[in-house]
PDB file of N, CA and C in Angstrom:
ATOM      1  N   SER A   1     -36.579  -2.978  43.672  1.00  0.00           N
ATOM      2  CA  SER A   1     -36.663  -1.542  43.837  1.00  0.00           C
ATOM      3  C   SER A   1     -36.997  -0.847  42.508  1.00  0.00           C
ATOM      4  N   THR A   2     -36.379  -1.294  41.425  1.00  0.00           N
ATOM      5  CA  THR A   2     -36.656  -0.726  40.108  1.00  0.00           C
ATOM      6  C   THR A   2     -38.093  -0.999  39.693  1.00  0.00           C
ATOM      7  N   ASN A   3     -38.549  -2.226  39.885  1.00  0.00           N
ATOM      8  CA  ASN A   3     -39.931  -2.576  39.549  1.00  0.00           C
ATOM      9  C   ASN A   3     -40.914  -1.794  40.409  1.00  0.00           C
ATOM     10  N   GLU A   4     -40.612  -1.643  41.689  1.00  0.00           N
ATOM     11  CA  GLU A   4     -41.473  -0.865  42.583  1.00  0.00           C
ATOM     12  C   GLU A   4     -41.563   0.582  42.116  1.00  0.00           C
ATOM     13  N   TYR A   5     -40.421   1.151  41.738  1.00  0.00           N
ATOM     14  CA  TYR A   5     -40.385   2.535  41.269  1.00  0.00           C
ATOM     15  C   TYR A   5     -41.239   2.691  40.006  1.00  0.00           C
ATOM     16  N   ALA A   6     -41.099   1.766  39.066  1.00  0.00           N
ATOM     17  CA  ALA A   6     -41.862   1.847  37.813  1.00  0.00           C
ATOM     18  C   ALA A   6     -43.357   1.717  38.075  1.00  0.00           C
ATOM     19  N   ARG A   7     -43.747   0.809  38.985  1.00  0.00           N
ATOM     20  CA  ARG A   7     -45.165   0.659  39.316  1.00  0.00           C
ATOM     21  C   ARG A   7     -45.705   1.911  39.996  1.00  0.00           C
ATOM     22  N   ALA A   8     -44.892   2.563  40.810  1.00  0.00           N
ATOM     23  CA  ALA A   8     -45.328   3.770  41.520  1.00  0.00           C
ATOM     24  C   ALA A   8     -45.450   4.977  40.593  1.00  0.00           C
ATOM     25  N   HIS A   9     -44.771   4.941  39.460  1.00  0.00           N
ATOM     26  CA  HIS A   9     -44.790   6.060  38.503  1.00  0.00           C
ATOM     27  C   HIS A   9     -45.420   5.608  37.189  1.00  0.00           C
ATOM     28  N   LYS A  10     -46.647   5.135  37.273  1.00  0.00           N
ATOM     29  CA  LYS A  10     -47.345   4.587  36.109  1.00  0.00           C
ATOM     30  C   LYS A  10     -47.513   5.592  34.977  1.00  0.00           C
ATOM     31  N   GLU A  11     -47.585   6.877  35.315  1.00  0.00           N
ATOM     32  CA  GLU A  11     -47.746   7.882  34.260  1.00  0.00           C
ATOM     33  C   GLU A  11     -46.523   7.932  33.349  1.00  0.00           C
ATOM     34  N   THR A  12     -45.347   7.623  33.890  1.00  0.00           N
ATOM     35  CA  THR A  12     -44.123   7.606  33.099  1.00  0.00           C
ATOM     36  C   THR A  12     -43.881   6.245  32.470  1.00  0.00           C
ATOM     37  N   PHE A  13     -44.180   5.186  33.220  1.00  0.00           N
ATOM     38  CA  PHE A  13     -43.901   3.823  32.786  1.00  0.00           C
ATOM     39  C   PHE A  13     -45.213   3.063  32.576  1.00  0.00           C
ATOM     40  N   ALA A  14     -46.036   3.557  31.679  1.00  0.00           N
ATOM     41  CA  ALA A  14     -47.385   3.016  31.474  1.00  0.00           C
ATOM     42  C   ALA A  14     -47.375   1.550  31.035  1.00  0.00           C
ATOM     43  N   VAL A  15     -46.424   1.164  30.237  1.00  0.00           N
ATOM     44  CA  VAL A  15     -46.389  -0.211  29.737  1.00  0.00           C
ATOM     45  C   VAL A  15     -45.184  -0.964  30.311  1.00  0.00           C
ATOM     46  N   TRP A  16     -44.944  -0.794  31.599  1.00  0.00           N
ATOM     47  CA  TRP A  16     -43.787  -1.414  32.245  1.00  0.00           C
ATOM     48  C   TRP A  16     -43.922  -2.929  32.302  1.00  0.00           C
ATOM     49  N   LYS A  17     -42.865  -3.618  31.905  1.00  0.00           N
ATOM     50  CA  LYS A  17     -42.767  -5.076  32.032  1.00  0.00           C
ATOM     51  C   LYS A  17     -41.764  -5.332  33.153  1.00  0.00           C
ATOM     52  N   GLU A  18     -42.110  -6.219  34.069  1.00  0.00           N
ATOM     53  CA  GLU A  18     -41.241  -6.497  35.216  1.00  0.00           C
ATOM     54  C   GLU A  18     -39.810  -6.797  34.768  1.00  0.00           C
ATOM     55  N   LEU A  19     -38.855  -6.203  35.450  1.00  0.00           N
ATOM     56  CA  LEU A  19     -37.443  -6.416  35.164  1.00  0.00           C
ATOM     57  C   LEU A  19     -36.991  -7.694  35.867  1.00  0.00           C
ATOM     58  N   GLU A  20     -36.538  -8.653  35.087  1.00  0.00           N
ATOM     59  CA  GLU A  20     -36.079  -9.939  35.619  1.00  0.00           C
ATOM     60  C   GLU A  20     -34.578  -9.881  35.886  1.00  0.00           C
ATOM     61  N   ILE A  21     -34.088 -10.792  36.713  1.00  0.00           N
ATOM     62  CA  ILE A  21     -32.666 -10.824  37.071  1.00  0.00           C
ATOM     63  C   ILE A  21     -31.781 -10.997  35.834  1.00  0.00           C
ATOM     64  N   VAL A  22     -32.163 -11.887  34.928  1.00  0.00           N
ATOM     65  CA  VAL A  22     -31.370 -12.104  33.714  1.00  0.00           C
ATOM     66  C   VAL A  22     -31.278 -10.813  32.906  1.00  0.00           C
ATOM     67  N   GLU A  23     -32.390 -10.124  32.794  1.00  0.00           N
ATOM     68  CA  GLU A  23     -32.418  -8.868  32.047  1.00  0.00           C
ATOM     69  C   GLU A  23     -31.562  -7.810  32.744  1.00  0.00           C
ATOM     70  N   LEU A  24     -31.600  -7.780  34.071  1.00  0.00           N
ATOM     71  CA  LEU A  24     -30.785  -6.833  34.829  1.00  0.00           C
ATOM     72  C   LEU A  24     -29.305  -7.094  34.606  1.00  0.00           C
ATOM     73  N   LYS A  25     -28.917  -8.359  34.569  1.00  0.00           N
ATOM     74  CA  LYS A  25     -27.522  -8.709  34.305  1.00  0.00           C
ATOM     75  C   LYS A  25     -27.113  -8.254  32.908  1.00  0.00           C
ATOM     76  N   CYS A  26     -27.988  -8.445  31.928  1.00  0.00           N
ATOM     77  CA  CYS A  26     -27.710  -7.975  30.562  1.00  0.00           C
ATOM     78  C   CYS A  26     -27.585  -6.461  30.537  1.00  0.00           C
ATOM     79  N   PHE A  27     -28.459  -5.779  31.285  1.00  0.00           N
ATOM     80  CA  PHE A  27     -28.422  -4.315  31.346  1.00  0.00           C
ATOM     81  C   PHE A  27     -27.055  -3.847  31.844  1.00  0.00           C
ATOM     82  N   PHE A  28     -26.591  -4.433  32.952  1.00  0.00           N
ATOM     83  CA  PHE A  28     -25.286  -4.024  33.490  1.00  0.00           C
ATOM     84  C   PHE A  28     -24.147  -4.432  32.563  1.00  0.00           C
ATOM     85  N   GLY A  29     -24.286  -5.559  31.869  1.00  0.00           N
ATOM     86  CA  GLY A  29     -23.280  -5.946  30.891  1.00  0.00           C
ATOM     87  C   GLY A  29     -23.192  -4.960  29.746  1.00  0.00           C
ATOM     88  N   VAL A  30     -24.343  -4.497  29.269  1.00  0.00           N
ATOM     89  CA  VAL A  30     -24.366  -3.496  28.200  1.00  0.00           C
ATOM     90  C   VAL A  30     -23.773  -2.179  28.698  1.00  0.00           C
ATOM     91  N   LEU A  31     -24.103  -1.783  29.923  1.00  0.00           N
ATOM     92  CA  LEU A  31     -23.515  -0.559  30.492  1.00  0.00           C
ATOM     93  C   LEU A  31     -22.000  -0.662  30.573  1.00  0.00           C
ATOM     94  N   PHE A  32     -21.511  -1.812  31.022  1.00  0.00           N
ATOM     95  CA  PHE A  32     -20.071  -2.022  31.101  1.00  0.00           C
ATOM     96  C   PHE A  32     -19.442  -1.919  29.710  1.00  0.00           C
ATOM     97  N   HIS A  33     -20.058  -2.560  28.742  1.00  0.00           N
ATOM     98  CA  HIS A  33     -19.555  -2.494  27.364  1.00  0.00           C
ATOM     99  C   HIS A  33     -19.559  -1.052  26.858  1.00  0.00           C
ATOM    100  N   MET A  34     -20.627  -0.321  27.152  1.00  0.00           N
ATOM    101  CA  MET A  34     -20.714   1.072  26.721  1.00  0.00           C
ATOM    102  C   MET A  34     -19.614   1.927  27.355  1.00  0.00           C
ATOM    103  N   SER A  35     -19.209   1.575  28.564  1.00  0.00           N
ATOM    104  CA  SER A  35     -18.150   2.353  29.218  1.00  0.00           C
ATOM    105  C   SER A  35     -16.803   2.138  28.527  1.00  0.00           C
ATOM    106  N   LEU A  36     -16.674   1.035  27.795  1.00  0.00           N
ATOM    107  CA  LEU A  36     -15.428   0.745  27.083  1.00  0.00           C
ATOM    108  C   LEU A  36     -15.481   1.139  25.616  1.00  0.00           C
ATOM    109  N   SER A  37     -16.673   1.262  25.072  1.00  0.00           N
ATOM    110  CA  SER A  37     -16.869   1.546  23.657  1.00  0.00           C
ATOM    111  C   SER A  37     -17.741   2.797  23.519  1.00  0.00           C
ATOM    112  N   HIS A  38     -17.108   3.941  23.520  1.00  0.00           N
ATOM    113  CA  HIS A  38     -17.835   5.207  23.561  1.00  0.00           C
ATOM    114  C   HIS A  38     -18.486   5.565  22.226  1.00  0.00           C
ATOM    115  N   ARG A  39     -19.659   6.174  22.316  1.00  0.00           N
ATOM    116  CA  ARG A  39     -20.412   6.694  21.170  1.00  0.00           C
ATOM    117  C   ARG A  39     -20.880   8.106  21.534  1.00  0.00           C
ATOM    118  N   PRO A  40     -21.328   8.883  20.550  1.00  0.00           N
ATOM    119  CA  PRO A  40     -21.805  10.245  20.845  1.00  0.00           C
ATOM    120  C   PRO A  40     -22.967  10.275  21.843  1.00  0.00           C
ATOM    121  N   ASN A  41     -23.847   9.258  21.798  1.00  0.00           N
ATOM    122  CA  ASN A  41     -24.955   9.160  22.748  1.00  0.00           C
ATOM    123  C   ASN A  41     -25.454   7.720  22.778  1.00  0.00           C
ATOM    124  N   ARG A  42     -26.306   7.408  23.759  1.00  0.00           N
ATOM    125  CA  ARG A  42     -26.786   6.022  23.898  1.00  0.00           C
ATOM    126  C   ARG A  42     -27.547   5.541  22.678  1.00  0.00           C
ATOM    127  N   ARG A  43     -28.310   6.391  22.072  1.00  0.00           N
ATOM    128  CA  ARG A  43     -29.160   5.999  20.940  1.00  0.00           C
ATOM    129  C   ARG A  43     -28.347   5.405  19.783  1.00  0.00           C
ATOM    130  N   THR A  44     -27.141   5.898  19.588  1.00  0.00           N
ATOM    131  CA  THR A  44     -26.352   5.467  18.426  1.00  0.00           C
ATOM    132  C   THR A  44     -25.887   4.012  18.505  1.00  0.00           C
ATOM    133  N   TYR A  45     -25.876   3.404  19.681  1.00  0.00           N
ATOM    134  CA  TYR A  45     -25.484   1.990  19.780  1.00  0.00           C
ATOM    135  C   TYR A  45     -26.443   1.095  18.991  1.00  0.00           C
ATOM    136  N   TRP A  46     -27.675   1.552  18.787  1.00  0.00           N
ATOM    137  CA  TRP A  46     -28.680   0.742  18.096  1.00  0.00           C
ATOM    138  C   TRP A  46     -28.824   1.117  16.624  1.00  0.00           C
ATOM    139  N   GLU A  47     -27.976   1.988  16.089  1.00  0.00           N
ATOM    140  CA  GLU A  47     -28.048   2.352  14.673  1.00  0.00           C
ATOM    141  C   GLU A  47     -27.680   1.152  13.805  1.00  0.00           C
ATOM    142  N   HIS A  48     -28.402   0.995  12.729  1.00  0.00           N
ATOM    143  CA  HIS A  48     -28.107  -0.090  11.788  1.00  0.00           C
ATOM    144  C   HIS A  48     -27.361   0.421  10.559  1.00  0.00           C
ATOM    145  N   THR A  49     -27.266   1.724  10.432  1.00  0.00           N
ATOM    146  CA  THR A  49     -26.514   2.319   9.335  1.00  0.00           C
ATOM    147  C   THR A  49     -25.479   3.257   9.933  1.00  0.00           C
ATOM    148  N   GLY A  50     -24.491   3.592   9.170  1.00  0.00           N
ATOM    149  CA  GLY A  50     -23.459   4.501   9.664  1.00  0.00           C
ATOM    150  C   GLY A  50     -22.375   3.759  10.439  1.00  0.00           C
ATOM    151  N   VAL A  51     -21.539   4.524  11.108  1.00  0.00           N
ATOM    152  CA  VAL A  51     -20.371   3.948  11.771  1.00  0.00           C
ATOM    153  C   VAL A  51     -20.569   3.692  13.264  1.00  0.00           C
ATOM    154  N   TYR A  52     -21.658   4.147  13.830  1.00  0.00           N
ATOM    155  CA  TYR A  52     -21.812   4.078  15.280  1.00  0.00           C
ATOM    156  C   TYR A  52     -22.519   2.849  15.826  1.00  0.00           C
ATOM    157  N   GLY A  53     -23.243   2.127  15.019  1.00  0.00           N
ATOM    158  CA  GLY A  53     -23.964   0.959  15.507  1.00  0.00           C
ATOM    159  C   GLY A  53     -23.034  -0.041  16.189  1.00  0.00           C
ATOM    160  N   ASP A  54     -23.547  -0.760  17.164  1.00  0.00           N
ATOM    161  CA  ASP A  54     -22.742  -1.710  17.922  1.00  0.00           C
ATOM    162  C   ASP A  54     -23.472  -3.062  17.934  1.00  0.00           C
ATOM    163  N   ILE A  55     -22.928  -4.029  17.238  1.00  0.00           N
ATOM    164  CA  ILE A  55     -23.573  -5.332  17.102  1.00  0.00           C
ATOM    165  C   ILE A  55     -23.733  -6.019  18.452  1.00  0.00           C
ATOM    166  N   PHE A  56     -22.744  -5.912  19.335  1.00  0.00           N
ATOM    167  CA  PHE A  56     -22.844  -6.538  20.653  1.00  0.00           C
ATOM    168  C   PHE A  56     -24.068  -6.019  21.407  1.00  0.00           C
ATOM    169  N   VAL A  57     -24.217  -4.708  21.469  1.00  0.00           N
ATOM    170  CA  VAL A  57     -25.355  -4.105  22.171  1.00  0.00           C
ATOM    171  C   VAL A  57     -26.655  -4.532  21.515  1.00  0.00           C
ATOM    172  N   GLN A  58     -26.706  -4.514  20.202  1.00  0.00           N
ATOM    173  CA  GLN A  58     -27.929  -4.873  19.482  1.00  0.00           C
ATOM    174  C   GLN A  58     -28.322  -6.330  19.694  1.00  0.00           C
ATOM    175  N   GLU A  59     -27.341  -7.220  19.871  1.00  0.00           N
ATOM    176  CA  GLU A  59     -27.652  -8.630  20.096  1.00  0.00           C
ATOM    177  C   GLU A  59     -28.027  -8.908  21.545  1.00  0.00           C
ATOM    178  N   VAL A  60     -27.320  -8.290  22.487  1.00  0.00           N
ATOM    179  CA  VAL A  60     -27.595  -8.527  23.907  1.00  0.00           C
ATOM    180  C   VAL A  60     -28.883  -7.833  24.328  1.00  0.00           C
ATOM    181  N   TRP A  61     -29.109  -6.629  23.800  1.00  0.00           N
ATOM    182  CA  TRP A  61     -30.295  -5.854  24.170  1.00  0.00           C
ATOM    183  C   TRP A  61     -30.895  -5.232  22.913  1.00  0.00           C
ATOM    184  N   PRO A  62     -31.709  -5.990  22.170  1.00  0.00           N
ATOM    185  CA  PRO A  62     -32.209  -5.512  20.879  1.00  0.00           C
ATOM    186  C   PRO A  62     -33.197  -4.345  20.947  1.00  0.00           C
ATOM    187  N   ASP A  63     -33.875  -4.159  22.060  1.00  0.00           N
ATOM    188  CA  ASP A  63     -34.923  -3.134  22.160  1.00  0.00           C
ATOM    189  C   ASP A  63     -34.400  -1.874  22.850  1.00  0.00           C
ATOM    190  N   ARG A  64     -34.043  -0.875  22.056  1.00  0.00           N
ATOM    191  CA  ARG A  64     -33.515   0.377  22.606  1.00  0.00           C
ATOM    192  C   ARG A  64     -34.515   1.049  23.529  1.00  0.00           C
ATOM    193  N   HIS A  65     -35.792   0.995  23.215  1.00  0.00           N
ATOM    194  CA  HIS A  65     -36.810   1.652  24.037  1.00  0.00           C
ATOM    195  C   HIS A  65     -36.890   1.008  25.420  1.00  0.00           C
ATOM    196  N   ARG A  66     -36.767  -0.309  25.472  1.00  0.00           N
ATOM    197  CA  ARG A  66     -36.768  -1.001  26.761  1.00  0.00           C
ATOM    198  C   ARG A  66     -35.528  -0.605  27.566  1.00  0.00           C
ATOM    199  N   PHE A  67     -34.382  -0.504  26.890  1.00  0.00           N
ATOM    200  CA  PHE A  67     -33.155  -0.090  27.576  1.00  0.00           C
ATOM    201  C   PHE A  67     -33.336   1.291  28.195  1.00  0.00           C
ATOM    202  N   GLU A  68     -33.894   2.213  27.443  1.00  0.00           N
ATOM    203  CA  GLU A  68     -34.108   3.576  27.946  1.00  0.00           C
ATOM    204  C   GLU A  68     -35.091   3.579  29.118  1.00  0.00           C
ATOM    205  N   ALA A  69     -36.101   2.720  29.076  1.00  0.00           N
ATOM    206  CA  ALA A  69     -37.072   2.630  30.169  1.00  0.00           C
ATOM    207  C   ALA A  69     -36.390   2.108  31.438  1.00  0.00           C
ATOM    208  N   VAL A  70     -35.566   1.071  31.291  1.00  0.00           N
ATOM    209  CA  VAL A  70     -34.844   0.538  32.449  1.00  0.00           C
ATOM    210  C   VAL A  70     -33.862   1.583  32.962  1.00  0.00           C
ATOM    211  N   TRP A  71     -33.190   2.272  32.047  1.00  0.00           N
ATOM    212  CA  TRP A  71     -32.251   3.340  32.431  1.00  0.00           C
ATOM    213  C   TRP A  71     -32.966   4.390  33.292  1.00  0.00           C
ATOM    214  N   ALA A  72     -34.173   4.748  32.916  1.00  0.00           N
ATOM    215  CA  ALA A  72     -34.925   5.769  33.648  1.00  0.00           C
ATOM    216  C   ALA A  72     -35.466   5.252  34.982  1.00  0.00           C
ATOM    217  N   ALA A  73     -35.712   3.948  35.074  1.00  0.00           N
ATOM    218  CA  ALA A  73     -36.352   3.395  36.270  1.00  0.00           C
ATOM    219  C   ALA A  73     -35.380   2.768  37.262  1.00  0.00           C
ATOM    220  N   ILE A  74     -34.158   2.516  36.853  1.00  0.00           N
ATOM    221  CA  ILE A  74     -33.229   1.768  37.711  1.00  0.00           C
ATOM    222  C   ILE A  74     -33.021   2.494  39.044  1.00  0.00           C
ATOM    223  N   ARG A  75     -33.155   1.724  40.123  1.00  0.00           N
ATOM    224  CA  ARG A  75     -33.006   2.259  41.476  1.00  0.00           C
ATOM    225  C   ARG A  75     -32.324   1.222  42.354  1.00  0.00           C
ATOM    226  N   CYS A  76     -31.584   1.691  43.332  1.00  0.00           N
ATOM    227  CA  CYS A  76     -30.971   0.828  44.338  1.00  0.00           C
ATOM    228  C   CYS A  76     -31.610   1.152  45.675  1.00  0.00           C
ATOM    229  N   LYS A  77     -31.933   0.121  46.422  1.00  0.00           N
ATOM    230  CA  LYS A  77     -32.441   0.312  47.777  1.00  0.00           C
ATOM    231  C   LYS A  77     -31.299   0.096  48.743  1.00  0.00           C
ATOM    232  N   LEU A  78     -31.149   1.007  49.669  1.00  0.00           N
ATOM    233  CA  LEU A  78     -30.131   0.837  50.690  1.00  0.00           C
ATOM    234  C   LEU A  78     -30.808   0.539  52.014  1.00  0.00           C
ATOM    235  N   TYR A  79     -30.504  -0.596  52.568  1.00  0.00           N
ATOM    236  CA  TYR A  79     -31.057  -1.016  53.843  1.00  0.00           C
ATOM    237  C   TYR A  79     -30.017  -0.792  54.936  1.00  0.00           C
ATOM    238  N   ALA A  80     -30.461  -0.725  56.167  1.00  0.00           N
ATOM    239  CA  ALA A  80     -29.544  -0.578  57.293  1.00  0.00           C
ATOM    240  C   ALA A  80     -28.539  -1.728  57.315  1.00  0.00           C
ATOM    241  N   GLU A  81     -28.991  -2.927  56.986  1.00  0.00           N
ATOM    242  CA  GLU A  81     -28.105  -4.083  56.958  1.00  0.00           C
ATOM    243  C   GLU A  81     -27.607  -4.357  55.538  1.00  0.00           C
ATOM    244  N   SER A  82     -27.395  -3.300  54.765  1.00  0.00           N
ATOM    245  CA  SER A  82     -27.053  -3.457  53.354  1.00  0.00           C
ATOM    246  C   SER A  82     -25.703  -4.143  53.141  1.00  0.00           C
ATOM    247  N   HIS A  83     -24.837  -4.181  54.155  1.00  0.00           N
ATOM    248  CA  HIS A  83     -23.571  -4.885  53.973  1.00  0.00           C
ATOM    249  C   HIS A  83     -23.797  -6.381  53.744  1.00  0.00           C
ATOM    250  N   MET A  84     -25.014  -6.860  54.036  1.00  0.00           N
ATOM    251  CA  MET A  84     -25.356  -8.256  53.793  1.00  0.00           C
ATOM    252  C   MET A  84     -25.841  -8.472  52.357  1.00  0.00           C
ATOM    253  N   ASP A  85     -26.155  -7.407  51.665  1.00  0.00           N
ATOM    254  CA  ASP A  85     -26.681  -7.479  50.308  1.00  0.00           C
ATOM    255  C   ASP A  85     -25.519  -7.585  49.328  1.00  0.00           C
ATOM    256  N   LYS A  86     -25.568  -8.575  48.419  1.00  0.00           N
ATOM    257  CA  LYS A  86     -24.497  -8.762  47.439  1.00  0.00           C
ATOM    258  C   LYS A  86     -24.366  -7.563  46.506  1.00  0.00           C
ATOM    259  N   PHE A  87     -25.447  -6.813  46.337  1.00  0.00           N
ATOM    260  CA  PHE A  87     -25.464  -5.683  45.411  1.00  0.00           C
ATOM    261  C   PHE A  87     -25.008  -4.387  46.097  1.00  0.00           C
ATOM    262  N   TYR A  88     -24.716  -4.439  47.389  1.00  0.00           N
ATOM    263  CA  TYR A  88     -24.401  -3.256  48.189  1.00  0.00           C
ATOM    264  C   TYR A  88     -23.249  -2.437  47.606  1.00  0.00           C
ATOM    265  N   LYS A  89     -22.123  -3.086  47.289  1.00  0.00           N
ATOM    266  CA  LYS A  89     -20.959  -2.351  46.791  1.00  0.00           C
ATOM    267  C   LYS A  89     -21.261  -1.670  45.457  1.00  0.00           C
ATOM    268  N   VAL A  90     -22.007  -2.332  44.600  1.00  0.00           N
ATOM    269  CA  VAL A  90     -22.380  -1.722  43.321  1.00  0.00           C
ATOM    270  C   VAL A  90     -23.264  -0.504  43.566  1.00  0.00           C
ATOM    271  N   CYS A  91     -24.247  -0.649  44.467  1.00  0.00           N
ATOM    272  CA  CYS A  91     -25.127   0.487  44.790  1.00  0.00           C
ATOM    273  C   CYS A  91     -24.329   1.660  45.331  1.00  0.00           C
ATOM    274  N   MET A  92     -23.409   1.378  46.242  1.00  0.00           N
ATOM    275  CA  MET A  92     -22.604   2.455  46.824  1.00  0.00           C
ATOM    276  C   MET A  92     -21.770   3.150  45.745  1.00  0.00           C
ATOM    277  N   TYR A  93     -21.232   2.374  44.811  1.00  0.00           N
ATOM    278  CA  TYR A  93     -20.467   2.958  43.712  1.00  0.00           C
ATOM    279  C   TYR A  93     -21.355   3.832  42.833  1.00  0.00           C
ATOM    280  N   LEU A  94     -22.535   3.330  42.484  1.00  0.00           N
ATOM    281  CA  LEU A  94     -23.447   4.092  41.634  1.00  0.00           C
ATOM    282  C   LEU A  94     -23.897   5.366  42.318  1.00  0.00           C
ATOM    283  N   ILE A  95     -24.232   5.282  43.592  1.00  0.00           N
ATOM    284  CA  ILE A  95     -24.705   6.456  44.318  1.00  0.00           C
ATOM    285  C   ILE A  95     -23.607   7.477  44.480  1.00  0.00           C
ATOM    286  N   LYS A  96     -22.381   7.013  44.689  1.00  0.00           N
ATOM    287  CA  LYS A  96     -21.244   7.928  44.824  1.00  0.00           C
ATOM    288  C   LYS A  96     -21.064   8.744  43.548  1.00  0.00           C
ATOM    289  N   ASP A  97     -21.106   8.072  42.404  1.00  0.00           N
ATOM    290  CA  ASP A  97     -20.857   8.731  41.135  1.00  0.00           C
ATOM    291  C   ASP A  97     -22.112   9.337  40.490  1.00  0.00           C
ATOM    292  N   TYR A  98     -23.274   8.753  40.786  1.00  0.00           N
ATOM    293  CA  TYR A  98     -24.530   9.190  40.182  1.00  0.00           C
ATOM    294  C   TYR A  98     -25.584   9.326  41.279  1.00  0.00           C
ATOM    295  N   PRO A  99     -25.549  10.397  42.069  1.00  0.00           N
ATOM    296  CA  PRO A  99     -26.442  10.506  43.217  1.00  0.00           C
ATOM    297  C   PRO A  99     -27.925  10.494  42.879  1.00  0.00           C
ATOM    298  N   ILE A 100     -28.322  10.627  41.623  1.00  0.00           N
ATOM    299  CA  ILE A 100     -29.751  10.620  41.283  1.00  0.00           C
ATOM    300  C   ILE A 100     -30.340   9.227  41.281  1.00  0.00           C
ATOM    301  N   ILE A 101     -29.502   8.196  41.306  1.00  0.00           N
ATOM    302  CA  ILE A 101     -30.013   6.817  41.266  1.00  0.00           C
ATOM    303  C   ILE A 101     -30.600   6.454  42.608  1.00  0.00           C
TER     304      ILE A 101
END
């Protein structure tokens, strides 16, 4: 769904690279880490100077621009038989709290 969205919006995601499952897992891992380790904004996790940089985020996801692109493109598809989808509960949680996804 995320890859489909990025392909459909080429003007925004001109240099989109397909999102792989491993990368998606890293993305959610970084999001989880960010929920436990707060910073003034997402950009500061990638700072190499100052007090806000986060080595874990920088090692798991070194490219801040790619992270922001995935953040902008991430989408969940809800199917009628979505209770069969392993990602269903996560999608329902995200949609409940973040209806724009």
